[in-house]
Amino acid sequence: KANDVYSSGKAKTVFAAYMNYSMDNCEFNTPG
């Protein structure tokens, strides 16, 4: 919502958001 206001509705949002950040040497948790 904030990005929509700041860009006057012109810029869609893309999140750089890292999943399962505390995990290591395993597989991603699919449900998360």
ModelCIF file with pLDDT and N, C-alpha, C, O atoms, coordinates in Angstrom:
data_MODEL
#
_entry.id   MODEL 
#
_entity.id                         1 
_entity.type                       polymer 
_entity.pdbx_number_of_molecules   1 
#
_entity_poly.entity_id                      1 
_entity_poly.type                           'polypeptide(L)' 
_entity_poly.nstd_linkage                   no 
_entity_poly.nstd_monomer                   no 
_entity_poly.pdbx_seq_one_letter_code       KANDVYSSGKAKTVFAAYMNYSMDNCEFNTPG 
_entity_poly.pdbx_seq_one_letter_code_can   KANDVYSSGKAKTVFAAYMNYSMDNCEFNTPG 
_entity_poly.pdbx_strand_id                 A 
#
loop_
_entity_poly_seq.entity_id 
_entity_poly_seq.num 
_entity_poly_seq.mon_id 
_entity_poly_seq.hetero 
1 1  LYS n 
1 2  ALA n 
1 3  ASN n 
1 4  ASP n 
1 5  VAL n 
1 6  TYR n 
1 7  SER n 
1 8  SER n 
1 9  GLY n 
1 10 LYS n 
1 11 ALA n 
1 12 LYS n 
1 13 THR n 
1 14 VAL n 
1 15 PHE n 
1 16 ALA n 
1 17 ALA n 
1 18 TYR n 
1 19 MET n 
1 20 ASN n 
1 21 TYR n 
1 22 SER n 
1 23 MET n 
1 24 ASP n 
1 25 ASN n 
1 26 CYS n 
1 27 GLU n 
1 28 PHE n 
1 29 ASN n 
1 30 THR n 
1 31 PRO n 
1 32 GLY n 
#
_struct_asym.id          A 
_struct_asym.entity_id   1 
#
loop_
_ma_qa_metric.id 
_ma_qa_metric.mode 
_ma_qa_metric.name 
_ma_qa_metric.software_group_id 
_ma_qa_metric.type 
1 global pLDDT . pLDDT 
2 local  pLDDT . pLDDT 
#
_ma_qa_metric_global.metric_id      1 
_ma_qa_metric_global.metric_value   97.03 
_ma_qa_metric_global.model_id       1 
_ma_qa_metric_global.ordinal_id     1 
#
loop_
_ma_qa_metric_local.label_asym_id 
_ma_qa_metric_local.label_comp_id 
_ma_qa_metric_local.label_seq_id 
_ma_qa_metric_local.metric_id 
_ma_qa_metric_local.metric_value 
_ma_qa_metric_local.model_id 
_ma_qa_metric_local.ordinal_id 
A LYS 1  2 97.00 1 1  
A ALA 2  2 98.00 1 2  
A ASN 3  2 98.00 1 3  
A ASP 4  2 96.00 1 4  
A VAL 5  2 97.00 1 5  
A TYR 6  2 97.00 1 6  
A SER 7  2 97.00 1 7  
A SER 8  2 95.00 1 8  
A GLY 9  2 93.00 1 9  
A LYS 10 2 94.00 1 10 
A ALA 11 2 96.00 1 11 
A LYS 12 2 96.00 1 12 
A THR 13 2 98.00 1 13 
A VAL 14 2 98.00 1 14 
A PHE 15 2 98.00 1 15 
A ALA 16 2 97.00 1 16 
A ALA 17 2 97.00 1 17 
A TYR 18 2 98.00 1 18 
A MET 19 2 98.00 1 19 
A ASN 20 2 98.00 1 20 
A TYR 21 2 97.00 1 21 
A SER 22 2 97.00 1 22 
A MET 23 2 97.00 1 23 
A ASP 24 2 96.00 1 24 
A ASN 25 2 96.00 1 25 
A CYS 26 2 98.00 1 26 
A GLU 27 2 98.00 1 27 
A PHE 28 2 98.00 1 28 
A ASN 29 2 98.00 1 29 
A THR 30 2 98.00 1 30 
A PRO 31 2 98.00 1 31 
A GLY 32 2 98.00 1 32 
#
loop_
_atom_site.group_PDB 
_atom_site.id 
_atom_site.type_symbol 
_atom_site.label_atom_id 
_atom_site.label_alt_id 
_atom_site.label_comp_id 
_atom_site.label_asym_id 
_atom_site.label_entity_id 
_atom_site.label_seq_id 
_atom_site.pdbx_PDB_ins_code 
_atom_site.Cartn_x 
_atom_site.Cartn_y 
_atom_site.Cartn_z 
_atom_site.occupancy 
_atom_site.B_iso_or_equiv 
_atom_site.pdbx_formal_charge 
_atom_site.auth_seq_id 
_atom_site.auth_comp_id 
_atom_site.auth_asym_id 
_atom_site.auth_atom_id 
_atom_site.pdbx_PDB_model_num 
ATOM 1   N N  . LYS A 1 1  ? 0.828  -1.209  0.000   1.00 97.00 ? 1  LYS A N  1 
ATOM 2   C CA . LYS A 1 1  ? 0.000  0.000   0.000   1.00 97.00 ? 1  LYS A CA 1 
ATOM 3   C C  . LYS A 1 1  ? 0.862  1.258   0.000   1.00 97.00 ? 1  LYS A C  1 
ATOM 4   O O  . LYS A 1 1  ? 0.568  2.213   -0.719  1.00 97.00 ? 1  LYS A O  1 
ATOM 5   N N  . ALA A 1 2  ? 1.930  1.263   0.808   1.00 98.00 ? 2  ALA A N  1 
ATOM 6   C CA . ALA A 1 2  ? 2.802  2.435   0.853   1.00 98.00 ? 2  ALA A CA 1 
ATOM 7   C C  . ALA A 1 2  ? 3.480  2.662   -0.495  1.00 98.00 ? 2  ALA A C  1 
ATOM 8   O O  . ALA A 1 2  ? 3.548  3.795   -0.973  1.00 98.00 ? 2  ALA A O  1 
ATOM 9   N N  . ASN A 1 3  ? 3.979  1.599   -1.107  1.00 98.00 ? 3  ASN A N  1 
ATOM 10  C CA . ASN A 1 3  ? 4.642  1.735   -2.401  1.00 98.00 ? 3  ASN A CA 1 
ATOM 11  C C  . ASN A 1 3  ? 3.694  2.240   -3.470  1.00 98.00 ? 3  ASN A C  1 
ATOM 12  O O  . ASN A 1 3  ? 4.085  3.005   -4.352  1.00 98.00 ? 3  ASN A O  1 
ATOM 13  N N  . ASP A 1 4  ? 2.456  1.811   -3.386  1.00 96.00 ? 4  ASP A N  1 
ATOM 14  C CA . ASP A 1 4  ? 1.458  2.276   -4.347  1.00 96.00 ? 4  ASP A CA 1 
ATOM 15  C C  . ASP A 1 4  ? 1.255  3.787   -4.221  1.00 96.00 ? 4  ASP A C  1 
ATOM 16  O O  . ASP A 1 4  ? 1.129  4.484   -5.227  1.00 96.00 ? 4  ASP A O  1 
ATOM 17  N N  . VAL A 1 5  ? 1.223  4.288   -2.991  1.00 97.00 ? 5  VAL A N  1 
ATOM 18  C CA . VAL A 1 5  ? 1.082  5.724   -2.765  1.00 97.00 ? 5  VAL A CA 1 
ATOM 19  C C  . VAL A 1 5  ? 2.332  6.463   -3.237  1.00 97.00 ? 5  VAL A C  1 
ATOM 20  O O  . VAL A 1 5  ? 2.236  7.461   -3.952  1.00 97.00 ? 5  VAL A O  1 
ATOM 21  N N  . TYR A 1 6  ? 3.508  5.971   -2.834  1.00 97.00 ? 6  TYR A N  1 
ATOM 22  C CA . TYR A 1 6  ? 4.760  6.661   -3.165  1.00 97.00 ? 6  TYR A CA 1 
ATOM 23  C C  . TYR A 1 6  ? 4.994  6.759   -4.672  1.00 97.00 ? 6  TYR A C  1 
ATOM 24  O O  . TYR A 1 6  ? 5.557  7.740   -5.160  1.00 97.00 ? 6  TYR A O  1 
ATOM 25  N N  . SER A 1 7  ? 4.552  5.722   -5.410  1.00 97.00 ? 7  SER A N  1 
ATOM 26  C CA . SER A 1 7  ? 4.805  5.688   -6.858  1.00 97.00 ? 7  SER A CA 1 
ATOM 27  C C  . SER A 1 7  ? 3.599  6.128   -7.676  1.00 97.00 ? 7  SER A C  1 
ATOM 28  O O  . SER A 1 7  ? 3.602  6.012   -8.901  1.00 97.00 ? 7  SER A O  1 
ATOM 29  N N  . SER A 1 8  ? 2.562  6.635   -6.998  1.00 95.00 ? 8  SER A N  1 
ATOM 30  C CA . SER A 1 8  ? 1.310  7.024   -7.669  1.00 95.00 ? 8  SER A CA 1 
ATOM 31  C C  . SER A 1 8  ? 0.732  5.863   -8.482  1.00 95.00 ? 8  SER A C  1 
ATOM 32  O O  . SER A 1 8  ? 0.182  6.057   -9.566  1.00 95.00 ? 8  SER A O  1 
ATOM 33  N N  . GLY A 1 9  ? 0.870  4.658   -7.935  1.00 93.00 ? 9  GLY A N  1 
ATOM 34  C CA . GLY A 1 9  ? 0.288  3.477   -8.550  1.00 93.00 ? 9  GLY A CA 1 
ATOM 35  C C  . GLY A 1 9  ? 1.057  2.907   -9.713  1.00 93.00 ? 9  GLY A C  1 
ATOM 36  O O  . GLY A 1 9  ? 0.566  1.997   -10.381 1.00 93.00 ? 9  GLY A O  1 
ATOM 37  N N  . LYS A 1 10 ? 2.252  3.410   -9.983  1.00 94.00 ? 10 LYS A N  1 
ATOM 38  C CA . LYS A 1 10 ? 2.987  2.987   -11.179 1.00 94.00 ? 10 LYS A CA 1 
ATOM 39  C C  . LYS A 1 10 ? 3.928  1.800   -10.941 1.00 94.00 ? 10 LYS A C  1 
ATOM 40  O O  . LYS A 1 10 ? 4.241  1.069   -11.881 1.00 94.00 ? 10 LYS A O  1 
ATOM 41  N N  . ALA A 1 11 ? 4.381  1.601   -9.705  1.00 96.00 ? 11 ALA A N  1 
ATOM 42  C CA . ALA A 1 11 ? 5.400  0.585   -9.436  1.00 96.00 ? 11 ALA A CA 1 
ATOM 43  C C  . ALA A 1 11 ? 4.818  -0.546  -8.601  1.00 96.00 ? 11 ALA A C  1 
ATOM 44  O O  . ALA A 1 11 ? 4.379  -0.327  -7.472  1.00 96.00 ? 11 ALA A O  1 
ATOM 45  N N  . LYS A 1 12 ? 4.813  -1.744  -9.148  1.00 96.00 ? 12 LYS A N  1 
ATOM 46  C CA . LYS A 1 12 ? 4.379  -2.922  -8.406  1.00 96.00 ? 12 LYS A CA 1 
ATOM 47  C C  . LYS A 1 12 ? 5.511  -3.389  -7.496  1.00 96.00 ? 12 LYS A C  1 
ATOM 48  O O  . LYS A 1 12 ? 6.688  -3.178  -7.787  1.00 96.00 ? 12 LYS A O  1 
ATOM 49  N N  . THR A 1 13 ? 5.138  -4.021  -6.400  1.00 98.00 ? 13 THR A N  1 
ATOM 50  C CA . THR A 1 13 ? 6.107  -4.397  -5.373  1.00 98.00 ? 13 THR A CA 1 
ATOM 51  C C  . THR A 1 13 ? 6.676  -5.792  -5.605  1.00 98.00 ? 13 THR A C  1 
ATOM 52  O O  . THR A 1 13 ? 5.942  -6.733  -5.906  1.00 98.00 ? 13 THR A O  1 
ATOM 53  N N  . VAL A 1 14 ? 7.997  -5.911  -5.461  1.00 98.00 ? 14 VAL A N  1 
ATOM 54  C CA . VAL A 1 14 ? 8.676  -7.199  -5.438  1.00 98.00 ? 14 VAL A CA 1 
ATOM 55  C C  . VAL A 1 14 ? 9.426  -7.300  -4.107  1.00 98.00 ? 14 VAL A C  1 
ATOM 56  O O  . VAL A 1 14 ? 10.198 -6.409  -3.751  1.00 98.00 ? 14 VAL A O  1 
ATOM 57  N N  . PHE A 1 15 ? 9.188  -8.400  -3.374  1.00 98.00 ? 15 PHE A N  1 
ATOM 58  C CA . PHE A 1 15 ? 9.834  -8.600  -2.080  1.00 98.00 ? 15 PHE A CA 1 
ATOM 59  C C  . PHE A 1 15 ? 11.083 -9.469  -2.241  1.00 98.00 ? 15 PHE A C  1 
ATOM 60  O O  . PHE A 1 15 ? 11.021 -10.556 -2.814  1.00 98.00 ? 15 PHE A O  1 
ATOM 61  N N  . ALA A 1 16 ? 12.205 -8.984  -1.736  1.00 97.00 ? 16 ALA A N  1 
ATOM 62  C CA . ALA A 1 16 ? 13.351 -9.852  -1.493  1.00 97.00 ? 16 ALA A CA 1 
ATOM 63  C C  . ALA A 1 16 ? 13.202 -10.321 -0.059  1.00 97.00 ? 16 ALA A C  1 
ATOM 64  O O  . ALA A 1 16 ? 13.513 -9.588  0.879   1.00 97.00 ? 16 ALA A O  1 
ATOM 65  N N  . ALA A 1 17 ? 12.729 -11.538 0.105   1.00 97.00 ? 17 ALA A N  1 
ATOM 66  C CA . ALA A 1 17 ? 12.353 -12.031 1.429   1.00 97.00 ? 17 ALA A CA 1 
ATOM 67  C C  . ALA A 1 17 ? 12.839 -13.471 1.539   1.00 97.00 ? 17 ALA A C  1 
ATOM 68  O O  . ALA A 1 17 ? 12.357 -14.350 0.825   1.00 97.00 ? 17 ALA A O  1 
ATOM 69  N N  . TYR A 1 18 ? 13.783 -13.708 2.423   1.00 98.00 ? 18 TYR A N  1 
ATOM 70  C CA . TYR A 1 18 ? 14.502 -14.979 2.457   1.00 98.00 ? 18 TYR A CA 1 
ATOM 71  C C  . TYR A 1 18 ? 13.842 -15.945 3.433   1.00 98.00 ? 18 TYR A C  1 
ATOM 72  O O  . TYR A 1 18 ? 13.696 -15.647 4.618   1.00 98.00 ? 18 TYR A O  1 
ATOM 73  N N  . MET A 1 19 ? 13.447 -17.105 2.917   1.00 98.00 ? 19 MET A N  1 
ATOM 74  C CA . MET A 1 19 ? 12.711 -18.083 3.709   1.00 98.00 ? 19 MET A CA 1 
ATOM 75  C C  . MET A 1 19 ? 13.667 -19.000 4.484   1.00 98.00 ? 19 MET A C  1 
ATOM 76  O O  . MET A 1 19 ? 14.798 -19.255 4.067   1.00 98.00 ? 19 MET A O  1 
ATOM 77  N N  . ASN A 1 20 ? 13.161 -19.491 5.640   1.00 98.00 ? 20 ASN A N  1 
ATOM 78  C CA . ASN A 1 20 ? 13.883 -20.508 6.424   1.00 98.00 ? 20 ASN A CA 1 
ATOM 79  C C  . ASN A 1 20 ? 15.311 -20.068 6.730   1.00 98.00 ? 20 ASN A C  1 
ATOM 80  O O  . ASN A 1 20 ? 16.254 -20.847 6.588   1.00 98.00 ? 20 ASN A O  1 
ATOM 81  N N  . TYR A 1 21 ? 15.461 -18.819 7.150   1.00 97.00 ? 21 TYR A N  1 
ATOM 82  C CA . TYR A 1 21 ? 16.771 -18.171 7.256   1.00 97.00 ? 21 TYR A CA 1 
ATOM 83  C C  . TYR A 1 21 ? 17.694 -18.847 8.267   1.00 97.00 ? 21 TYR A C  1 
ATOM 84  O O  . TYR A 1 21 ? 18.914 -18.798 8.106   1.00 97.00 ? 21 TYR A O  1 
ATOM 85  N N  . SER A 1 22 ? 17.145 -19.470 9.298   1.00 97.00 ? 22 SER A N  1 
ATOM 86  C CA . SER A 1 22 ? 17.983 -20.089 10.333  1.00 97.00 ? 22 SER A CA 1 
ATOM 87  C C  . SER A 1 22 ? 18.337 -21.541 10.028  1.00 97.00 ? 22 SER A C  1 
ATOM 88  O O  . SER A 1 22 ? 19.025 -22.189 10.817  1.00 97.00 ? 22 SER A O  1 
ATOM 89  N N  . MET A 1 23 ? 17.878 -22.051 8.900   1.00 97.00 ? 23 MET A N  1 
ATOM 90  C CA . MET A 1 23 ? 18.129 -23.445 8.550   1.00 97.00 ? 23 MET A CA 1 
ATOM 91  C C  . MET A 1 23 ? 19.410 -23.575 7.729   1.00 97.00 ? 23 MET A C  1 
ATOM 92  O O  . MET A 1 23 ? 19.880 -22.611 7.124   1.00 97.00 ? 23 MET A O  1 
ATOM 93  N N  . ASP A 1 24 ? 19.967 -24.801 7.724   1.00 96.00 ? 24 ASP A N  1 
ATOM 94  C CA . ASP A 1 24 ? 21.201 -25.047 6.975   1.00 96.00 ? 24 ASP A CA 1 
ATOM 95  C C  . ASP A 1 24 ? 21.304 -26.536 6.672   1.00 96.00 ? 24 ASP A C  1 
ATOM 96  O O  . ASP A 1 24 ? 20.842 -27.373 7.447   1.00 96.00 ? 24 ASP A O  1 
ATOM 97  N N  . ASN A 1 25 ? 21.914 -26.853 5.539   1.00 96.00 ? 25 ASN A N  1 
ATOM 98  C CA . ASN A 1 25 ? 22.150 -28.240 5.135   1.00 96.00 ? 25 ASN A CA 1 
ATOM 99  C C  . ASN A 1 25 ? 20.886 -29.086 5.202   1.00 96.00 ? 25 ASN A C  1 
ATOM 100 O O  . ASN A 1 25 ? 20.870 -30.153 5.816   1.00 96.00 ? 25 ASN A O  1 
ATOM 101 N N  . CYS A 1 26 ? 19.820 -28.592 4.558   1.00 98.00 ? 26 CYS A N  1 
ATOM 102 C CA . CYS A 1 26 ? 18.540 -29.286 4.570   1.00 98.00 ? 26 CYS A CA 1 
ATOM 103 C C  . CYS A 1 26 ? 17.707 -28.778 3.397   1.00 98.00 ? 26 CYS A C  1 
ATOM 104 O O  . CYS A 1 26 ? 18.201 -28.026 2.556   1.00 98.00 ? 26 CYS A O  1 
ATOM 105 N N  . GLU A 1 27 ? 16.451 -29.190 3.345   1.00 98.00 ? 27 GLU A N  1 
ATOM 106 C CA . GLU A 1 27 ? 15.532 -28.731 2.304   1.00 98.00 ? 27 GLU A CA 1 
ATOM 107 C C  . GLU A 1 27 ? 14.623 -27.640 2.851   1.00 98.00 ? 27 GLU A C  1 
ATOM 108 O O  . GLU A 1 27 ? 14.311 -27.615 4.042   1.00 98.00 ? 27 GLU A O  1 
ATOM 109 N N  . PHE A 1 28 ? 14.204 -26.743 1.970   1.00 98.00 ? 28 PHE A N  1 
ATOM 110 C CA . PHE A 1 28 ? 13.217 -25.735 2.348   1.00 98.00 ? 28 PHE A CA 1 
ATOM 111 C C  . PHE A 1 28 ? 11.949 -26.409 2.875   1.00 98.00 ? 28 PHE A C  1 
ATOM 112 O O  . PHE A 1 28 ? 11.577 -27.504 2.451   1.00 98.00 ? 28 PHE A O  1 
ATOM 113 N N  . ASN A 1 29 ? 11.304 -25.722 3.807   1.00 98.00 ? 29 ASN A N  1 
ATOM 114 C CA . ASN A 1 29 ? 10.020 -26.203 4.308   1.00 98.00 ? 29 ASN A CA 1 
ATOM 115 C C  . ASN A 1 29 ? 8.929  -25.765 3.345   1.00 98.00 ? 29 ASN A C  1 
ATOM 116 O O  . ASN A 1 29 ? 8.568  -24.588 3.308   1.00 98.00 ? 29 ASN A O  1 
ATOM 117 N N  . THR A 1 30 ? 8.403  -26.697 2.569   1.00 98.00 ? 30 THR A N  1 
ATOM 118 C CA . THR A 1 30 ? 7.457  -26.372 1.495   1.00 98.00 ? 30 THR A CA 1 
ATOM 119 C C  . THR A 1 30 ? 6.243  -25.593 1.989   1.00 98.00 ? 30 THR A C  1 
ATOM 120 O O  . THR A 1 30 ? 5.888  -24.602 1.350   1.00 98.00 ? 30 THR A O  1 
ATOM 121 N N  . PRO A 1 31 ? 5.580  -25.972 3.084   1.00 98.00 ? 31 PRO A N  1 
ATOM 122 C CA . PRO A 1 31 ? 4.409  -25.192 3.525   1.00 98.00 ? 31 PRO A CA 1 
ATOM 123 C C  . PRO A 1 31 ? 4.733  -23.728 3.813   1.00 98.00 ? 31 PRO A C  1 
ATOM 124 O O  . PRO A 1 31 ? 3.932  -22.850 3.493   1.00 98.00 ? 31 PRO A O  1 
ATOM 125 N N  . GLY A 1 32 ? 5.893  -23.449 4.412   1.00 98.00 ? 32 GLY A N  1 
ATOM 126 C CA . GLY A 1 32 ? 6.263  -22.063 4.683   1.00 98.00 ? 32 GLY A CA 1 
ATOM 127 C C  . GLY A 1 32 ? 6.458  -21.270 3.415   1.00 98.00 ? 32 GLY A C  1 
ATOM 128 O O  . GLY A 1 32 ? 6.773  -20.082 3.473   1.00 98.00 ? 32 GLY A O  1 
#
